[in-house]
N, C-alpha and C. Protein backbone atom coordinates (compact mmCIF):
# COMPACT_ATOMS: atom_id res chain seq x y z
N MET A 1 -38.59 3.99 -35.94
CA MET A 1 -38.49 5.03 -34.94
C MET A 1 -38.29 6.37 -35.61
N ASP A 2 -38.76 7.37 -34.95
CA ASP A 2 -38.65 8.73 -35.46
C ASP A 2 -37.21 9.22 -35.34
N PHE A 3 -36.70 9.83 -36.41
CA PHE A 3 -35.31 10.32 -36.43
C PHE A 3 -35.07 11.35 -35.34
N ARG A 4 -36.06 12.24 -35.09
CA ARG A 4 -35.90 13.25 -34.04
C ARG A 4 -35.76 12.61 -32.66
N LEU A 5 -36.50 11.57 -32.41
CA LEU A 5 -36.44 10.88 -31.12
C LEU A 5 -35.06 10.24 -30.93
N ILE A 6 -34.53 9.62 -31.98
CA ILE A 6 -33.19 9.03 -31.91
C ILE A 6 -32.15 10.12 -31.66
N THR A 7 -32.27 11.24 -32.32
CA THR A 7 -31.35 12.36 -32.14
C THR A 7 -31.41 12.89 -30.71
N ILE A 8 -32.59 13.08 -30.19
CA ILE A 8 -32.76 13.60 -28.82
C ILE A 8 -32.18 12.62 -27.80
N VAL A 9 -32.48 11.34 -27.95
CA VAL A 9 -31.95 10.33 -27.02
C VAL A 9 -30.42 10.29 -27.10
N SER A 10 -29.88 10.36 -28.30
CA SER A 10 -28.43 10.37 -28.47
C SER A 10 -27.79 11.57 -27.80
N LEU A 11 -28.37 12.75 -27.93
CA LEU A 11 -27.85 13.96 -27.30
C LEU A 11 -27.92 13.88 -25.78
N ILE A 12 -28.98 13.30 -25.26
CA ILE A 12 -29.10 13.13 -23.80
C ILE A 12 -28.01 12.19 -23.29
N ILE A 13 -27.79 11.10 -23.98
CA ILE A 13 -26.75 10.14 -23.57
C ILE A 13 -25.37 10.79 -23.61
N LEU A 14 -25.07 11.53 -24.66
CA LEU A 14 -23.78 12.21 -24.76
C LEU A 14 -23.60 13.26 -23.68
N SER A 15 -24.67 13.94 -23.32
CA SER A 15 -24.55 14.99 -22.29
C SER A 15 -24.35 14.40 -20.90
N LEU A 16 -24.68 13.13 -20.71
CA LEU A 16 -24.50 12.50 -19.39
C LEU A 16 -23.12 11.85 -19.22
N SER A 17 -22.28 11.90 -20.23
CA SER A 17 -20.93 11.35 -20.11
C SER A 17 -19.92 12.48 -20.27
N GLY A 18 -18.72 12.28 -19.76
CA GLY A 18 -17.69 13.31 -19.87
C GLY A 18 -16.38 12.84 -19.30
N CYS A 19 -15.38 13.69 -19.41
CA CYS A 19 -14.08 13.35 -18.86
C CYS A 19 -13.38 14.61 -18.38
N ALA A 20 -12.42 14.41 -17.48
CA ALA A 20 -11.64 15.52 -16.95
C ALA A 20 -10.24 15.00 -16.62
N THR A 21 -9.24 15.83 -16.85
CA THR A 21 -7.86 15.50 -16.53
C THR A 21 -7.28 16.63 -15.69
N SER A 22 -6.55 16.26 -14.65
CA SER A 22 -5.99 17.26 -13.75
C SER A 22 -4.58 16.84 -13.35
N SER A 23 -3.70 17.81 -13.19
CA SER A 23 -2.35 17.56 -12.68
C SER A 23 -2.31 17.93 -11.21
N TYR A 24 -1.49 17.21 -10.44
CA TYR A 24 -1.37 17.52 -9.02
C TYR A 24 0.09 17.45 -8.59
N SER A 25 0.40 18.19 -7.54
CA SER A 25 1.71 18.16 -6.91
C SER A 25 1.51 18.44 -5.43
N VAL A 26 2.01 17.54 -4.58
CA VAL A 26 1.85 17.67 -3.14
C VAL A 26 3.23 17.62 -2.51
N GLY A 27 3.49 18.50 -1.57
CA GLY A 27 4.79 18.55 -0.92
C GLY A 27 5.80 19.32 -1.76
N LYS A 28 7.03 19.35 -1.28
CA LYS A 28 8.10 20.05 -1.98
C LYS A 28 9.11 19.02 -2.48
N ASP A 29 9.48 19.13 -3.76
CA ASP A 29 10.45 18.19 -4.32
C ASP A 29 11.79 18.34 -3.61
N PHE A 30 12.50 17.24 -3.47
CA PHE A 30 13.82 17.25 -2.84
C PHE A 30 14.76 16.33 -3.61
N ALA A 31 16.05 16.52 -3.41
CA ALA A 31 17.07 15.80 -4.17
C ALA A 31 17.24 14.38 -3.63
N SER A 32 16.72 13.40 -4.36
CA SER A 32 16.83 11.98 -3.96
C SER A 32 18.28 11.53 -3.86
N GLU A 33 19.12 12.07 -4.73
CA GLU A 33 20.52 11.64 -4.74
C GLU A 33 21.27 12.02 -3.46
N ASN A 34 20.73 12.96 -2.68
CA ASN A 34 21.39 13.36 -1.43
C ASN A 34 21.12 12.40 -0.27
N VAL A 35 20.18 11.47 -0.44
CA VAL A 35 19.88 10.52 0.64
C VAL A 35 21.12 9.71 1.02
N SER A 36 21.97 9.40 0.06
CA SER A 36 23.18 8.62 0.35
C SER A 36 24.17 9.36 1.25
N GLN A 37 23.98 10.67 1.42
CA GLN A 37 24.88 11.46 2.26
C GLN A 37 24.45 11.48 3.73
N ILE A 38 23.28 10.91 4.04
CA ILE A 38 22.83 10.85 5.44
C ILE A 38 23.58 9.73 6.15
N VAL A 39 24.17 10.06 7.29
CA VAL A 39 24.88 9.09 8.10
C VAL A 39 24.21 9.04 9.47
N LYS A 40 23.66 7.86 9.82
CA LYS A 40 23.00 7.69 11.12
C LYS A 40 23.99 7.99 12.25
N GLY A 41 23.54 8.76 13.23
CA GLY A 41 24.37 9.10 14.38
C GLY A 41 25.34 10.24 14.13
N LYS A 42 25.38 10.79 12.91
CA LYS A 42 26.33 11.85 12.58
C LYS A 42 25.67 13.08 11.93
N THR A 43 24.78 12.85 10.95
CA THR A 43 24.17 13.96 10.22
C THR A 43 23.28 14.77 11.15
N THR A 44 23.47 16.09 11.16
CA THR A 44 22.70 16.98 12.03
C THR A 44 21.47 17.53 11.30
N THR A 45 20.57 18.13 12.06
CA THR A 45 19.38 18.73 11.45
C THR A 45 19.78 19.90 10.54
N GLU A 46 20.83 20.62 10.90
CA GLU A 46 21.31 21.72 10.05
C GLU A 46 21.78 21.18 8.70
N GLU A 47 22.49 20.05 8.73
CA GLU A 47 22.93 19.43 7.49
C GLU A 47 21.75 18.91 6.67
N MET A 48 20.71 18.41 7.34
CA MET A 48 19.50 17.95 6.64
C MET A 48 18.85 19.11 5.89
N VAL A 49 18.77 20.26 6.54
CA VAL A 49 18.17 21.43 5.89
C VAL A 49 19.02 21.87 4.70
N THR A 50 20.34 21.78 4.83
CA THR A 50 21.23 22.11 3.71
C THR A 50 21.03 21.14 2.55
N LEU A 51 20.90 19.85 2.85
CA LEU A 51 20.76 18.83 1.82
C LEU A 51 19.38 18.84 1.15
N PHE A 52 18.31 19.04 1.96
CA PHE A 52 16.95 18.84 1.45
C PHE A 52 16.01 20.04 1.61
N GLY A 53 16.43 21.05 2.34
CA GLY A 53 15.52 22.16 2.64
C GLY A 53 14.70 21.82 3.88
N GLU A 54 13.73 22.67 4.18
CA GLU A 54 12.87 22.41 5.33
C GLU A 54 11.96 21.21 5.03
N PRO A 55 11.70 20.38 6.04
CA PRO A 55 10.85 19.21 5.81
C PRO A 55 9.39 19.59 5.58
N TYR A 56 8.65 18.65 4.98
CA TYR A 56 7.21 18.82 4.76
C TYR A 56 6.49 18.91 6.10
N SER A 57 6.95 18.11 7.07
CA SER A 57 6.37 18.18 8.42
C SER A 57 7.41 17.80 9.46
N LYS A 58 7.21 18.35 10.67
CA LYS A 58 8.03 18.01 11.83
C LYS A 58 7.06 17.65 12.95
N THR A 59 7.31 16.50 13.61
CA THR A 59 6.45 16.07 14.72
C THR A 59 7.32 15.85 15.94
N VAL A 60 6.97 16.48 17.05
CA VAL A 60 7.69 16.27 18.31
C VAL A 60 7.20 14.96 18.92
N ILE A 61 8.15 14.07 19.22
CA ILE A 61 7.82 12.78 19.82
C ILE A 61 8.05 12.82 21.32
N SER A 62 9.14 13.47 21.73
CA SER A 62 9.46 13.62 23.16
C SER A 62 10.33 14.86 23.32
N ALA A 63 10.86 15.06 24.52
CA ALA A 63 11.70 16.23 24.77
C ALA A 63 12.97 16.22 23.92
N THR A 64 13.41 15.03 23.52
CA THR A 64 14.66 14.93 22.76
C THR A 64 14.47 14.40 21.34
N ASP A 65 13.32 13.81 21.05
CA ASP A 65 13.10 13.16 19.75
C ASP A 65 12.06 13.89 18.90
N SER A 66 12.31 13.89 17.60
CA SER A 66 11.33 14.43 16.65
C SER A 66 11.39 13.61 15.36
N LYS A 67 10.32 13.70 14.61
CA LYS A 67 10.23 13.00 13.33
C LYS A 67 10.08 14.03 12.23
N TRP A 68 10.96 13.97 11.25
CA TRP A 68 10.90 14.87 10.10
C TRP A 68 10.46 14.06 8.90
N ILE A 69 9.58 14.63 8.10
CA ILE A 69 9.12 13.96 6.88
C ILE A 69 9.32 14.89 5.69
N TYR A 70 10.04 14.37 4.71
CA TYR A 70 10.17 15.02 3.41
C TYR A 70 9.31 14.19 2.46
N MET A 71 8.37 14.83 1.76
CA MET A 71 7.45 14.10 0.91
C MET A 71 7.16 14.91 -0.35
N HIS A 72 7.11 14.20 -1.48
CA HIS A 72 6.70 14.85 -2.72
C HIS A 72 5.98 13.83 -3.58
N SER A 73 4.83 14.23 -4.09
CA SER A 73 4.03 13.39 -4.97
C SER A 73 3.53 14.27 -6.11
N LYS A 74 3.66 13.77 -7.35
CA LYS A 74 3.18 14.54 -8.49
C LYS A 74 2.67 13.59 -9.56
N GLY A 75 1.74 14.08 -10.37
CA GLY A 75 1.21 13.25 -11.43
C GLY A 75 -0.03 13.84 -12.04
N THR A 76 -0.81 12.96 -12.68
CA THR A 76 -2.06 13.38 -13.30
C THR A 76 -3.17 12.43 -12.88
N ALA A 77 -4.36 12.97 -12.85
CA ALA A 77 -5.56 12.18 -12.57
C ALA A 77 -6.52 12.38 -13.72
N LYS A 78 -7.08 11.28 -14.20
CA LYS A 78 -8.03 11.35 -15.31
C LYS A 78 -9.30 10.64 -14.88
N ALA A 79 -10.43 11.35 -15.01
CA ALA A 79 -11.73 10.77 -14.67
C ALA A 79 -12.59 10.71 -15.93
N GLN A 80 -13.17 9.54 -16.17
CA GLN A 80 -14.07 9.35 -17.30
C GLN A 80 -15.43 8.96 -16.73
N SER A 81 -16.42 9.76 -17.02
CA SER A 81 -17.76 9.52 -16.49
C SER A 81 -18.65 8.98 -17.60
N TYR A 82 -19.36 7.92 -17.26
CA TYR A 82 -20.33 7.33 -18.18
C TYR A 82 -21.72 7.52 -17.56
N ILE A 83 -22.73 6.99 -18.18
CA ILE A 83 -24.10 7.21 -17.70
C ILE A 83 -24.28 6.70 -16.28
N VAL A 84 -23.83 5.50 -15.98
CA VAL A 84 -24.06 4.92 -14.65
C VAL A 84 -22.76 4.55 -13.93
N SER A 85 -21.61 4.87 -14.48
CA SER A 85 -20.36 4.52 -13.81
C SER A 85 -19.30 5.58 -14.07
N MET A 86 -18.20 5.47 -13.33
CA MET A 86 -17.10 6.42 -13.48
C MET A 86 -15.78 5.66 -13.32
N ASP A 87 -14.79 6.02 -14.11
CA ASP A 87 -13.48 5.39 -14.10
C ASP A 87 -12.44 6.46 -13.79
N VAL A 88 -11.64 6.26 -12.73
CA VAL A 88 -10.62 7.23 -12.33
C VAL A 88 -9.25 6.55 -12.38
N LYS A 89 -8.28 7.18 -13.06
CA LYS A 89 -6.92 6.64 -13.15
C LYS A 89 -5.94 7.75 -12.80
N THR A 90 -4.95 7.42 -11.97
CA THR A 90 -3.89 8.37 -11.67
C THR A 90 -2.54 7.76 -12.04
N THR A 91 -1.65 8.60 -12.49
CA THR A 91 -0.28 8.17 -12.76
C THR A 91 0.65 9.23 -12.19
N GLY A 92 1.82 8.82 -11.80
CA GLY A 92 2.77 9.80 -11.26
C GLY A 92 3.83 9.13 -10.44
N THR A 93 4.54 9.93 -9.67
CA THR A 93 5.61 9.44 -8.81
C THR A 93 5.42 9.96 -7.40
N GLN A 94 5.96 9.21 -6.47
CA GLN A 94 5.91 9.63 -5.07
C GLN A 94 7.22 9.25 -4.41
N LYS A 95 7.73 10.15 -3.58
CA LYS A 95 8.92 9.83 -2.79
C LYS A 95 8.75 10.38 -1.39
N MET A 96 9.29 9.61 -0.43
CA MET A 96 9.17 10.01 0.97
C MET A 96 10.44 9.66 1.72
N LEU A 97 10.90 10.62 2.52
CA LEU A 97 12.05 10.43 3.39
C LEU A 97 11.56 10.68 4.81
N ASP A 98 11.59 9.63 5.62
CA ASP A 98 11.10 9.66 7.00
C ASP A 98 12.32 9.60 7.91
N VAL A 99 12.51 10.64 8.74
CA VAL A 99 13.75 10.78 9.52
C VAL A 99 13.44 10.88 11.01
N LEU A 100 14.12 10.08 11.82
CA LEU A 100 14.02 10.17 13.27
C LEU A 100 15.24 10.92 13.79
N VAL A 101 14.98 11.99 14.54
CA VAL A 101 16.04 12.87 15.05
C VAL A 101 16.04 12.83 16.58
N THR A 102 17.22 12.65 17.17
CA THR A 102 17.38 12.71 18.63
C THR A 102 18.47 13.72 18.94
N ASP A 103 18.13 14.69 19.76
CA ASP A 103 19.08 15.75 20.15
C ASP A 103 19.76 16.39 18.94
N GLY A 104 19.00 16.63 17.88
CA GLY A 104 19.51 17.33 16.70
C GLY A 104 20.35 16.50 15.75
N VAL A 105 20.38 15.16 15.96
CA VAL A 105 21.17 14.27 15.10
C VAL A 105 20.26 13.16 14.56
N VAL A 106 20.44 12.82 13.28
CA VAL A 106 19.66 11.74 12.66
C VAL A 106 20.08 10.41 13.27
N VAL A 107 19.10 9.67 13.83
CA VAL A 107 19.41 8.35 14.39
C VAL A 107 18.88 7.22 13.51
N ASN A 108 17.89 7.53 12.67
CA ASN A 108 17.36 6.53 11.74
C ASN A 108 16.60 7.23 10.62
N PHE A 109 16.49 6.57 9.47
CA PHE A 109 15.71 7.14 8.36
C PHE A 109 15.28 6.03 7.41
N ALA A 110 14.23 6.31 6.65
CA ALA A 110 13.75 5.39 5.62
C ALA A 110 13.38 6.23 4.40
N PHE A 111 13.77 5.75 3.22
CA PHE A 111 13.48 6.46 1.98
C PHE A 111 12.79 5.52 1.00
N THR A 112 11.69 5.98 0.41
CA THR A 112 10.99 5.23 -0.62
C THR A 112 10.72 6.15 -1.80
N GLU A 113 10.78 5.56 -2.99
CA GLU A 113 10.51 6.33 -4.21
C GLU A 113 9.97 5.37 -5.25
N GLY A 114 8.95 5.79 -5.97
CA GLY A 114 8.42 4.92 -7.01
C GLY A 114 7.22 5.50 -7.72
N GLN A 115 6.68 4.67 -8.61
CA GLN A 115 5.50 5.05 -9.38
C GLN A 115 4.28 5.01 -8.48
N ASN A 116 3.29 5.80 -8.84
CA ASN A 116 2.07 5.90 -8.04
C ASN A 116 0.85 5.69 -8.94
N PRO A 117 0.69 4.47 -9.50
CA PRO A 117 -0.51 4.24 -10.32
C PRO A 117 -1.69 3.88 -9.43
N TYR A 118 -2.85 4.31 -9.83
CA TYR A 118 -4.06 4.03 -9.06
C TYR A 118 -5.25 4.03 -10.01
N THR A 119 -6.08 3.03 -9.90
CA THR A 119 -7.28 2.94 -10.73
C THR A 119 -8.48 2.64 -9.85
N MET A 120 -9.58 3.32 -10.10
CA MET A 120 -10.80 3.08 -9.33
C MET A 120 -11.98 3.16 -10.28
N GLN A 121 -12.90 2.25 -10.13
CA GLN A 121 -14.12 2.29 -10.92
C GLN A 121 -15.31 2.35 -9.98
N VAL A 122 -16.21 3.29 -10.24
CA VAL A 122 -17.40 3.47 -9.41
C VAL A 122 -18.62 3.16 -10.27
N ASN A 123 -19.45 2.28 -9.76
CA ASN A 123 -20.70 1.95 -10.47
C ASN A 123 -21.89 2.49 -9.74
């Protein structure tokens, strides 16, 4: 085979592959250690704002009930592209505090925190 042809084919193959890395952050970080200070039936919305700041979202459920969500997710995403396929991997952490409020007082809440790995391959 001709050396120039091999060189050209090699350059074409290399130009069709690539990679990219990106960092992401969604929501506002909040103090996980303050979750232990929430007392169902006692903690008020004013105290919630003092402990965690304003929530990521507030949803009105009824005239007396609302749902507050504190959420933060951060990490990196790496995409590797090949000639006919692509590989995407994300790493990071995610935490969410879901709060049910009735008449300005916390009546229930759920907190989750953990790693956020994700892998996807596209052919």
